[in-house]
Amino acid sequence: MTTPIDTLYDEHRTLERMLAALEGMVASIDRGTRIPLETLASVLDFIETFIDGVHHRKEEAHLFPLLEARGLSPAGGPTAVMRAEHARGRELVQEMKAALAELEADPEGEYERFAEAARAFIDLARAHIEKEDEVLFRLAEERLDEATLESLGLGFEEVVSRIGHEAYDRYEKEAEALENVWAE
């Protein structure tokens, strides 16, 4: 049986595909390639909608409170660290969006500001995924019983319904497609 925690692991694999694509784009930028702005915009849409709007919402609104109710400190424990990293990721996305807006205003402009924020986001996201996969999700698997996992699954379903299952599936396919084109 697939659990809600399995779904979070799976979403991490999808995010890793997008990170590989973004890393390939940054390497291309470093070699002087001008990435189509609509491609960069689609990466940011993926991060904001699929990762922050779905994955992080599942964690922050549903998983973290359950773990905190079972003894993890909301002030200094793993969930506090994860929330802080989510917030830093949002800041880096805003930096990438600002850089993209500059490029849209001046298509001949430099991509370095975007690439710098993207590199920082990639590093943050990879370290974050490792912490969740190796620590937080394992704690969840140990501390949440079957009934709680069932309730968590209902909460996760509510989150996905905000964007719709078709959109959710489309984002997964988009990550794979961009990885196939851009990952090195």
Foldseek 3Di string as FASTA:
>chain_A
DQFVLNVLLVLLVLVVLLLLLLVLVLVCLVVPDQPPLVVLVVSLVLCVCVVVQANVCLCPVAVVVVVVVVPADCCDGPVVVLVVLSVVLVVLSVQLVVLSVVCVVPVVDRCVSNSVSSVVNSVSSVVSSCCCVPPVSVSCVVRDDPVSRVVSVVVSVVSCPVVDPVVNVVSSVVSNVSSVVRRD
